[in-house]
């Protein structure tokens, strides 16, 4: 697919969105920004609640004329189901409807490792977790990401809208926990992966894991690499300090036995 010139970035004021606002223009993208909250320093950004049915015409206008959408908007922690339903489930559905109506060719959907959060952490010598692992959401938040992946598949099969669903691990400037050593995605690798997802040919609906090439990696990055993703970073330089502070990962503990971590036992609640 030729590199899209204009990309609608939803969730532009969020953590990952803020990182991508800086990094993606280096790949030649012109970003149209959208968020529920005003985007600091971006007076032209669209402020919109995409989960509100009354905002659907405005959302369609925001989508109009873009080449692709990078959909990062939504609640990113656990919340009551009603809030998840509006922000993550209805909001994603409204976005896909606007994309279909406006003839946009591709969506890159920010899924999450929490869509498969109850998948056990692989032991030493075990195979990496494949993208074909069944949905095992650990929260209503994870459930909404499972829904988003299935919605992306439906819109490909039914309407020919291409999507790449990226099961993001943790995208921060550096890992902050021992668990994160296995799922960390550096911001630079995040931009590389999103760029590959926006430009790869004939993706249909493709699911990939989103992380750097970590020494302690839990999941299989082959479908991401097939898009042209070439991760360059590894969490290992941070390992000694984190392990000294927190100890090695102990899979006998319920909050460390599954890839969703504490989301499986005591999830952080939105807003934090």
C-alpha atoms as a PDB file:
ATOM      1  CA  UNK A   1       0.000   0.000   0.000  1.00  0.00           C
ATOM      2  CA  UNK A   2       1.441   3.421  -0.844  1.00  0.00           C
ATOM      3  CA  UNK A   3       2.327   5.399   2.253  1.00  0.00           C
ATOM      4  CA  UNK A   4      -0.781   7.293   3.395  1.00  0.00           C
ATOM      5  CA  UNK A   5      -0.280  11.038   3.369  1.00  0.00           C
ATOM      6  CA  UNK A   6      -3.000  11.983   5.866  1.00  0.00           C
ATOM      7  CA  UNK A   7      -3.771   9.821   8.914  1.00  0.00           C
ATOM      8  CA  UNK A   8      -6.500  10.446  11.480  1.00  0.00           C
ATOM      9  CA  UNK A   9      -4.945   9.825  14.897  1.00  0.00           C
ATOM     10  CA  UNK A  10      -7.629   9.192  17.508  1.00  0.00           C
ATOM     11  CA  UNK A  11      -6.657   9.368  21.153  1.00  0.00           C
ATOM     12  CA  UNK A  12      -4.110  12.011  20.224  1.00  0.00           C
ATOM     13  CA  UNK A  13      -3.888  13.420  23.766  1.00  0.00           C
ATOM     14  CA  UNK A  14      -3.265  10.008  25.378  1.00  0.00           C
ATOM     15  CA  UNK A  15       0.032   8.435  26.336  1.00  0.00           C
ATOM     16  CA  UNK A  16       0.736   6.531  23.123  1.00  0.00           C
ATOM     17  CA  UNK A  17      -0.975   9.190  21.028  1.00  0.00           C
ATOM     18  CA  UNK A  18       1.299  11.888  22.425  1.00  0.00           C
ATOM     19  CA  UNK A  19       4.361   9.793  21.573  1.00  0.00           C
ATOM     20  CA  UNK A  20       3.122   9.114  18.036  1.00  0.00           C
ATOM     21  CA  UNK A  21       2.312  12.786  17.426  1.00  0.00           C
ATOM     22  CA  UNK A  22       6.035  13.407  17.679  1.00  0.00           C
ATOM     23  CA  UNK A  23       7.345  10.304  15.915  1.00  0.00           C
ATOM     24  CA  UNK A  24       5.019   9.530  12.994  1.00  0.00           C
ATOM     25  CA  UNK A  25       5.494  12.815  11.084  1.00  0.00           C
ATOM     26  CA  UNK A  26       9.127  11.749  10.593  1.00  0.00           C
ATOM     27  CA  UNK A  27       7.759   9.051   8.279  1.00  0.00           C
ATOM     28  CA  UNK A  28       6.051  11.672   6.145  1.00  0.00           C
ATOM     29  CA  UNK A  29       2.577  11.578   7.658  1.00  0.00           C
ATOM     30  CA  UNK A  30       0.293  14.543   8.032  1.00  0.00           C
ATOM     31  CA  UNK A  31      -1.708  13.848  11.171  1.00  0.00           C
ATOM     32  CA  UNK A  32      -5.293  14.922  11.757  1.00  0.00           C
ATOM     33  CA  UNK A  33      -5.764  14.786  15.521  1.00  0.00           C
ATOM     34  CA  UNK A  34      -8.867  13.742  17.480  1.00  0.00           C
ATOM     35  CA  UNK A  35      -9.459  13.233  21.180  1.00  0.00           C
ATOM     36  CA  UNK A  36     -12.174  13.474  23.807  1.00  0.00           C
ATOM     37  CA  UNK A  37     -10.007  16.114  25.510  1.00  0.00           C
ATOM     38  CA  UNK A  38      -8.379  19.171  23.916  1.00  0.00           C
ATOM     39  CA  UNK A  39      -4.899  18.362  22.605  1.00  0.00           C
ATOM     40  CA  UNK A  40      -2.405  20.719  24.194  1.00  0.00           C
ATOM     41  CA  UNK A  41      -0.672  22.926  21.659  1.00  0.00           C
ATOM     42  CA  UNK A  42      -2.884  21.692  18.807  1.00  0.00           C
ATOM     43  CA  UNK A  43      -5.712  24.191  18.273  1.00  0.00           C
ATOM     44  CA  UNK A  44      -6.849  22.433  15.071  1.00  0.00           C
ATOM     45  CA  UNK A  45      -7.401  19.088  16.794  1.00  0.00           C
ATOM     46  CA  UNK A  46     -10.956  17.749  16.768  1.00  0.00           C
ATOM     47  CA  UNK A  47     -12.502  17.402  20.241  1.00  0.00           C
ATOM     48  CA  UNK A  48     -15.120  14.672  20.054  1.00  0.00           C
ATOM     49  CA  UNK A  49     -16.707  11.882  22.082  1.00  0.00           C
ATOM     50  CA  UNK A  50     -16.788   9.151  19.461  1.00  0.00           C
ATOM     51  CA  UNK A  51     -18.888   6.925  21.726  1.00  0.00           C
ATOM     52  CA  UNK A  52     -21.767   9.406  21.640  1.00  0.00           C
ATOM     53  CA  UNK A  53     -24.292   8.513  18.905  1.00  0.00           C
ATOM     54  CA  UNK A  54     -25.025  12.232  18.519  1.00  0.00           C
ATOM     55  CA  UNK A  55     -21.418  12.769  17.402  1.00  0.00           C
ATOM     56  CA  UNK A  56     -21.527  10.388  14.461  1.00  0.00           C
ATOM     57  CA  UNK A  57     -21.917  13.089  11.812  1.00  0.00           C
ATOM     58  CA  UNK A  58     -18.981  15.006  13.291  1.00  0.00           C
ATOM     59  CA  UNK A  59     -16.938  11.803  13.385  1.00  0.00           C
ATOM     60  CA  UNK A  60     -17.714  11.136   9.752  1.00  0.00           C
ATOM     61  CA  UNK A  61     -16.526  14.666   8.958  1.00  0.00           C
ATOM     62  CA  UNK A  62     -13.300  14.033  10.903  1.00  0.00           C
ATOM     63  CA  UNK A  63     -12.690  10.852   8.890  1.00  0.00           C
ATOM     64  CA  UNK A  64     -13.522  12.422   5.549  1.00  0.00           C
ATOM     65  CA  UNK A  65     -10.559  12.667   3.183  1.00  0.00           C
ATOM     66  CA  UNK A  66      -7.982  10.798   5.256  1.00  0.00           C
ATOM     67  CA  UNK A  67      -5.996   7.925   3.791  1.00  0.00           C
ATOM     68  CA  UNK A  68      -5.995   5.799   6.951  1.00  0.00           C
ATOM     69  CA  UNK A  69      -6.874   5.853  10.654  1.00  0.00           C
ATOM     70  CA  UNK A  70      -4.659   5.016  13.624  1.00  0.00           C
ATOM     71  CA  UNK A  71      -7.252   4.306  16.310  1.00  0.00           C
ATOM     72  CA  UNK A  72      -5.743   4.776  19.759  1.00  0.00           C
ATOM     73  CA  UNK A  73      -8.778   6.373  21.454  1.00  0.00           C
ATOM     74  CA  UNK A  74     -10.559   4.790  24.370  1.00  0.00           C
ATOM     75  CA  UNK A  75     -10.300   3.913  28.033  1.00  0.00           C
ATOM     76  CA  UNK A  76      -6.962   2.175  28.590  1.00  0.00           C
ATOM     77  CA  UNK A  77      -7.543   0.674  32.062  1.00  0.00           C
ATOM     78  CA  UNK A  78     -10.412  -1.155  33.719  1.00  0.00           C
ATOM     79  CA  UNK A  79     -13.701   0.679  34.259  1.00  0.00           C
ATOM     80  CA  UNK A  80     -17.364  -0.164  34.822  1.00  0.00           C
ATOM     81  CA  UNK A  81     -18.821  -1.964  31.840  1.00  0.00           C
ATOM     82  CA  UNK A  82     -21.098   0.948  30.940  1.00  0.00           C
ATOM     83  CA  UNK A  83     -18.097   3.257  30.504  1.00  0.00           C
ATOM     84  CA  UNK A  84     -16.152   0.647  28.515  1.00  0.00           C
ATOM     85  CA  UNK A  85     -19.223   0.047  26.370  1.00  0.00           C
ATOM     86  CA  UNK A  86     -19.523   3.697  25.397  1.00  0.00           C
ATOM     87  CA  UNK A  87     -15.869   4.609  24.935  1.00  0.00           C
ATOM     88  CA  UNK A  88     -14.312   1.417  23.599  1.00  0.00           C
ATOM     89  CA  UNK A  89     -17.082  -0.679  22.084  1.00  0.00           C
ATOM     90  CA  UNK A  90     -19.575   1.860  20.746  1.00  0.00           C
ATOM     91  CA  UNK A  91     -16.768   4.290  19.944  1.00  0.00           C
ATOM     92  CA  UNK A  92     -14.891   1.729  17.865  1.00  0.00           C
ATOM     93  CA  UNK A  93     -18.074   0.695  16.087  1.00  0.00           C
ATOM     94  CA  UNK A  94     -18.883   4.317  15.288  1.00  0.00           C
ATOM     95  CA  UNK A  95     -15.366   4.795  13.925  1.00  0.00           C
ATOM     96  CA  UNK A  96     -15.603   1.762  11.639  1.00  0.00           C
ATOM     97  CA  UNK A  97     -18.975   2.931  10.368  1.00  0.00           C
ATOM     98  CA  UNK A  98     -17.518   6.358   9.548  1.00  0.00           C
ATOM     99  CA  UNK A  99     -14.564   4.686   7.815  1.00  0.00           C
ATOM    100  CA  UNK A 100     -16.917   2.496   5.777  1.00  0.00           C
ATOM    101  CA  UNK A 101     -19.151   5.401   4.837  1.00  0.00           C
ATOM    102  CA  UNK A 102     -16.215   7.592   3.771  1.00  0.00           C
ATOM    103  CA  UNK A 103     -14.374   4.853   1.873  1.00  0.00           C
ATOM    104  CA  UNK A 104     -11.186   4.910   3.959  1.00  0.00           C
ATOM    105  CA  UNK A 105      -9.052   1.915   3.048  1.00  0.00           C
ATOM    106  CA  UNK A 106      -7.319   1.030   6.296  1.00  0.00           C
ATOM    107  CA  UNK A 107      -7.545   1.182  10.081  1.00  0.00           C
ATOM    108  CA  UNK A 108      -4.728   0.360  12.475  1.00  0.00           C
ATOM    109  CA  UNK A 109      -6.513  -0.612  15.679  1.00  0.00           C
ATOM    110  CA  UNK A 110      -4.842  -0.397  19.077  1.00  0.00           C
ATOM    111  CA  UNK A 111      -5.727  -3.746  20.568  1.00  0.00           C
ATOM    112  CA  UNK A 112      -3.978  -4.948  23.701  1.00  0.00           C
ATOM    113  CA  UNK A 113      -2.261  -7.889  25.328  1.00  0.00           C
ATOM    114  CA  UNK A 114      -5.244  -7.801  27.702  1.00  0.00           C
ATOM    115  CA  UNK A 115      -7.402  -9.329  24.957  1.00  0.00           C
ATOM    116  CA  UNK A 116      -5.477 -12.517  25.761  1.00  0.00           C
ATOM    117  CA  UNK A 117      -4.557 -11.533  29.307  1.00  0.00           C
ATOM    118  CA  UNK A 118      -5.416 -14.856  30.974  1.00  0.00           C
ATOM    119  CA  UNK A 119      -2.991 -16.700  28.675  1.00  0.00           C
ATOM    120  CA  UNK A 120      -0.338 -18.242  30.955  1.00  0.00           C
ATOM    121  CA  UNK A 121       3.139 -16.759  30.893  1.00  0.00           C
ATOM    122  CA  UNK A 122       5.332 -19.161  28.884  1.00  0.00           C
ATOM    123  CA  UNK A 123       8.010 -20.991  30.839  1.00  0.00           C
ATOM    124  CA  UNK A 124      11.619 -21.475  29.848  1.00  0.00           C
ATOM    125  CA  UNK A 125      11.710 -23.545  26.665  1.00  0.00           C
ATOM    126  CA  UNK A 126       7.994 -23.095  25.941  1.00  0.00           C
ATOM    127  CA  UNK A 127       7.008 -21.809  22.492  1.00  0.00           C
ATOM    128  CA  UNK A 128       6.219 -18.133  22.113  1.00  0.00           C
ATOM    129  CA  UNK A 129       2.516 -17.221  22.331  1.00  0.00           C
ATOM    130  CA  UNK A 130       1.081 -17.107  18.778  1.00  0.00           C
ATOM    131  CA  UNK A 131      -1.362 -14.515  17.461  1.00  0.00           C
ATOM    132  CA  UNK A 132      -3.781 -17.424  16.990  1.00  0.00           C
ATOM    133  CA  UNK A 133      -4.071 -17.765  20.774  1.00  0.00           C
ATOM    134  CA  UNK A 134      -7.773 -17.575  21.651  1.00  0.00           C
ATOM    135  CA  UNK A 135      -9.206 -14.473  23.232  1.00  0.00           C
ATOM    136  CA  UNK A 136      -8.931 -14.703  27.015  1.00  0.00           C
ATOM    137  CA  UNK A 137      -9.689 -11.158  28.181  1.00  0.00           C
ATOM    138  CA  UNK A 138      -8.737 -10.302  31.736  1.00  0.00           C
ATOM    139  CA  UNK A 139     -11.089  -7.329  32.250  1.00  0.00           C
ATOM    140  CA  UNK A 140     -13.954  -5.470  30.608  1.00  0.00           C
ATOM    141  CA  UNK A 141     -11.156  -3.418  29.036  1.00  0.00           C
ATOM    142  CA  UNK A 142      -9.606  -6.576  27.574  1.00  0.00           C
ATOM    143  CA  UNK A 143     -13.056  -7.700  26.461  1.00  0.00           C
ATOM    144  CA  UNK A 144     -13.449  -4.457  24.512  1.00  0.00           C
ATOM    145  CA  UNK A 145     -10.176  -5.149  22.705  1.00  0.00           C
ATOM    146  CA  UNK A 146     -11.359  -8.654  21.818  1.00  0.00           C
ATOM    147  CA  UNK A 147     -14.501  -7.039  20.431  1.00  0.00           C
ATOM    148  CA  UNK A 148     -12.430  -4.549  18.441  1.00  0.00           C
ATOM    149  CA  UNK A 149     -10.423  -7.324  16.811  1.00  0.00           C
ATOM    150  CA  UNK A 150     -13.594  -9.200  15.886  1.00  0.00           C
ATOM    151  CA  UNK A 151     -15.193  -6.004  14.590  1.00  0.00           C
ATOM    152  CA  UNK A 152     -12.130  -5.387  12.414  1.00  0.00           C
ATOM    153  CA  UNK A 153     -12.468  -8.912  11.004  1.00  0.00           C
ATOM    154  CA  UNK A 154     -16.172  -8.344  10.288  1.00  0.00           C
ATOM    155  CA  UNK A 155     -15.549  -5.067   8.468  1.00  0.00           C
ATOM    156  CA  UNK A 156     -12.880  -6.742   6.339  1.00  0.00           C
ATOM    157  CA  UNK A 157     -15.064  -9.737   5.471  1.00  0.00           C
ATOM    158  CA  UNK A 158     -18.260  -7.736   4.988  1.00  0.00           C
ATOM    159  CA  UNK A 159     -17.086  -4.364   3.698  1.00  0.00           C
ATOM    160  CA  UNK A 160     -13.468  -4.769   2.553  1.00  0.00           C
ATOM    161  CA  UNK A 161     -12.042  -2.364   5.146  1.00  0.00           C
ATOM    162  CA  UNK A 162      -8.469  -3.469   5.862  1.00  0.00           C
ATOM    163  CA  UNK A 163      -7.226  -3.490   9.450  1.00  0.00           C
ATOM    164  CA  UNK A 164      -4.170  -4.346  11.440  1.00  0.00           C
ATOM    165  CA  UNK A 165      -4.976  -5.054  15.099  1.00  0.00           C
ATOM    166  CA  UNK A 166      -1.893  -4.408  17.233  1.00  0.00           C
ATOM    167  CA  UNK A 167      -1.924  -6.156  20.610  1.00  0.00           C
ATOM    168  CA  UNK A 168       0.175  -3.520  22.326  1.00  0.00           C
ATOM    169  CA  UNK A 169       2.226  -4.567  25.327  1.00  0.00           C
ATOM    170  CA  UNK A 170       3.468  -1.460  27.170  1.00  0.00           C
ATOM    171  CA  UNK A 171       4.642   1.535  25.149  1.00  0.00           C
ATOM    172  CA  UNK A 172       6.664   3.797  27.430  1.00  0.00           C
ATOM    173  CA  UNK A 173      10.050   5.494  27.116  1.00  0.00           C
ATOM    174  CA  UNK A 174      11.457   2.678  29.274  1.00  0.00           C
ATOM    175  CA  UNK A 175      10.070  -0.357  31.122  1.00  0.00           C
ATOM    176  CA  UNK A 176       9.076   0.217  34.746  1.00  0.00           C
ATOM    177  CA  UNK A 177       8.369  -3.341  35.968  1.00  0.00           C
ATOM    178  CA  UNK A 178       9.922  -6.783  35.607  1.00  0.00           C
ATOM    179  CA  UNK A 179       6.778  -7.951  33.762  1.00  0.00           C
ATOM    180  CA  UNK A 180       7.256  -5.132  31.292  1.00  0.00           C
ATOM    181  CA  UNK A 181      10.670  -6.512  30.312  1.00  0.00           C
ATOM    182  CA  UNK A 182       8.768  -9.123  28.271  1.00  0.00           C
ATOM    183  CA  UNK A 183       6.134  -6.893  26.649  1.00  0.00           C
ATOM    184  CA  UNK A 184       7.797  -3.466  26.374  1.00  0.00           C
ATOM    185  CA  UNK A 185       7.568  -1.573  23.095  1.00  0.00           C
ATOM    186  CA  UNK A 186       9.869   1.408  22.818  1.00  0.00           C
ATOM    187  CA  UNK A 187       8.223   4.493  21.339  1.00  0.00           C
ATOM    188  CA  UNK A 188      10.594   4.309  18.363  1.00  0.00           C
ATOM    189  CA  UNK A 189       9.638   0.680  17.722  1.00  0.00           C
ATOM    190  CA  UNK A 190       5.988   1.642  18.172  1.00  0.00           C
ATOM    191  CA  UNK A 191       6.315   4.180  15.371  1.00  0.00           C
ATOM    192  CA  UNK A 192       8.114   1.580  13.212  1.00  0.00           C
ATOM    193  CA  UNK A 193       5.317  -0.926  13.799  1.00  0.00           C
ATOM    194  CA  UNK A 194       2.492   1.532  13.149  1.00  0.00           C
ATOM    195  CA  UNK A 195       4.255   2.709   9.984  1.00  0.00           C
ATOM    196  CA  UNK A 196       4.559  -0.899   8.792  1.00  0.00           C
ATOM    197  CA  UNK A 197       0.892  -1.528   9.637  1.00  0.00           C
ATOM    198  CA  UNK A 198      -0.155   1.563   7.681  1.00  0.00           C
ATOM    199  CA  UNK A 199       1.841   0.700   4.556  1.00  0.00           C
ATOM    200  CA  UNK A 200       2.028  -3.113   4.178  1.00  0.00           C
ATOM    201  CA  UNK A 201       0.242  -4.612   1.179  1.00  0.00           C
ATOM    202  CA  UNK A 202      -2.823  -6.843   1.341  1.00  0.00           C
ATOM    203  CA  UNK A 203      -3.233  -7.086   5.104  1.00  0.00           C
ATOM    204  CA  UNK A 204      -6.941  -8.021   5.084  1.00  0.00           C
ATOM    205  CA  UNK A 205      -7.341  -8.234   8.815  1.00  0.00           C
ATOM    206  CA  UNK A 206      -4.014  -9.042  10.423  1.00  0.00           C
ATOM    207  CA  UNK A 207      -3.398  -9.425  14.151  1.00  0.00           C
ATOM    208  CA  UNK A 208       0.097  -8.699  15.465  1.00  0.00           C
ATOM    209  CA  UNK A 209       1.734  -8.350  18.846  1.00  0.00           C
ATOM    210  CA  UNK A 210       3.222  -4.952  19.568  1.00  0.00           C
ATOM    211  CA  UNK A 211       6.546  -4.984  21.359  1.00  0.00           C
ATOM    212  CA  UNK A 212      10.237  -4.526  20.864  1.00  0.00           C
ATOM    213  CA  UNK A 213      12.532  -7.468  20.193  1.00  0.00           C
ATOM    214  CA  UNK A 214      12.991  -8.176  23.890  1.00  0.00           C
ATOM    215  CA  UNK A 215      15.339 -10.855  25.168  1.00  0.00           C
ATOM    216  CA  UNK A 216      12.562 -11.990  27.536  1.00  0.00           C
ATOM    217  CA  UNK A 217       9.836 -11.848  24.867  1.00  0.00           C
ATOM    218  CA  UNK A 218       6.657 -13.857  25.544  1.00  0.00           C
ATOM    219  CA  UNK A 219       4.961 -13.706  22.164  1.00  0.00           C
ATOM    220  CA  UNK A 220       5.603 -14.354  18.505  1.00  0.00           C
ATOM    221  CA  UNK A 221       6.389 -11.257  16.428  1.00  0.00           C
ATOM    222  CA  UNK A 222       6.411 -13.096  13.077  1.00  0.00           C
ATOM    223  CA  UNK A 223       3.124 -11.606  11.820  1.00  0.00           C
ATOM    224  CA  UNK A 224       4.409  -8.122  12.682  1.00  0.00           C
ATOM    225  CA  UNK A 225       7.690  -8.810  10.907  1.00  0.00           C
ATOM    226  CA  UNK A 226       5.717 -10.005   7.870  1.00  0.00           C
ATOM    227  CA  UNK A 227       4.335  -6.468   7.586  1.00  0.00           C
ATOM    228  CA  UNK A 228       7.890  -5.147   7.305  1.00  0.00           C
ATOM    229  CA  UNK A 229       8.348  -4.336  11.000  1.00  0.00           C
ATOM    230  CA  UNK A 230      11.985  -4.426  12.065  1.00  0.00           C
ATOM    231  CA  UNK A 231      12.243  -3.779  15.814  1.00  0.00           C
ATOM    232  CA  UNK A 232      15.550  -2.334  16.946  1.00  0.00           C
ATOM    233  CA  UNK A 233      15.179  -2.119  20.708  1.00  0.00           C
ATOM    234  CA  UNK A 234      15.367  -4.575  23.608  1.00  0.00           C
ATOM    235  CA  UNK A 235      14.352  -4.114  27.238  1.00  0.00           C
ATOM    236  CA  UNK A 236      17.349  -6.087  28.529  1.00  0.00           C
ATOM    237  CA  UNK A 237      19.531  -3.055  29.380  1.00  0.00           C
ATOM    238  CA  UNK A 238      16.904  -2.178  32.011  1.00  0.00           C
ATOM    239  CA  UNK A 239      16.655  -5.685  33.458  1.00  0.00           C
ATOM    240  CA  UNK A 240      19.344  -5.694  36.136  1.00  0.00           C
ATOM    241  CA  UNK A 241      18.061  -2.541  37.830  1.00  0.00           C
ATOM    242  CA  UNK A 242      14.415  -3.620  37.765  1.00  0.00           C
ATOM    243  CA  UNK A 243      15.157  -7.133  39.026  1.00  0.00           C
ATOM    244  CA  UNK A 244      17.322  -5.732  41.829  1.00  0.00           C
ATOM    245  CA  UNK A 245      14.425  -3.498  42.888  1.00  0.00           C
ATOM    246  CA  UNK A 246      11.487  -5.884  42.326  1.00  0.00           C
ATOM    247  CA  UNK A 247      12.860  -9.426  42.182  1.00  0.00           C
ATOM    248  CA  UNK A 248      12.495 -11.944  39.371  1.00  0.00           C
ATOM    249  CA  UNK A 249       9.052 -12.659  37.929  1.00  0.00           C
ATOM    250  CA  UNK A 250       7.332 -15.338  40.031  1.00  0.00           C
ATOM    251  CA  UNK A 251       4.682 -17.209  38.045  1.00  0.00           C
ATOM    252  CA  UNK A 252       3.483 -18.920  41.238  1.00  0.00           C
ATOM    253  CA  UNK A 253       1.940 -15.576  42.163  1.00  0.00           C
ATOM    254  CA  UNK A 254      -1.560 -15.032  40.731  1.00  0.00           C
ATOM    255  CA  UNK A 255      -0.698 -11.495  39.623  1.00  0.00           C
ATOM    256  CA  UNK A 256       2.336 -12.734  37.670  1.00  0.00           C
ATOM    257  CA  UNK A 257       1.081 -16.066  36.275  1.00  0.00           C
ATOM    258  CA  UNK A 258      -0.635 -14.648  33.191  1.00  0.00           C
ATOM    259  CA  UNK A 259       0.460 -12.173  30.567  1.00  0.00           C
ATOM    260  CA  UNK A 260      -2.176  -9.690  31.743  1.00  0.00           C
ATOM    261  CA  UNK A 261      -0.359  -9.411  35.069  1.00  0.00           C
ATOM    262  CA  UNK A 262      -2.257  -7.566  37.785  1.00  0.00           C
ATOM    263  CA  UNK A 263      -5.160  -6.948  35.382  1.00  0.00           C
ATOM    264  CA  UNK A 264      -6.088 -10.584  36.148  1.00  0.00           C
ATOM    265  CA  UNK A 265      -6.250 -10.024  39.906  1.00  0.00           C
ATOM    266  CA  UNK A 266      -6.487  -6.345  40.873  1.00  0.00           C
ATOM    267  CA  UNK A 267      -6.715  -4.245  37.709  1.00  0.00           C
ATOM    268  CA  UNK A 268      -5.887  -0.549  37.755  1.00  0.00           C
ATOM    269  CA  UNK A 269      -9.066   1.488  37.493  1.00  0.00           C
ATOM    270  CA  UNK A 270      -9.761   4.372  35.127  1.00  0.00           C
ATOM    271  CA  UNK A 271      -9.260   7.243  35.681  1.00  0.00           C
ATOM    272  CA  UNK A 272      -5.945   6.708  37.433  1.00  0.00           C
END
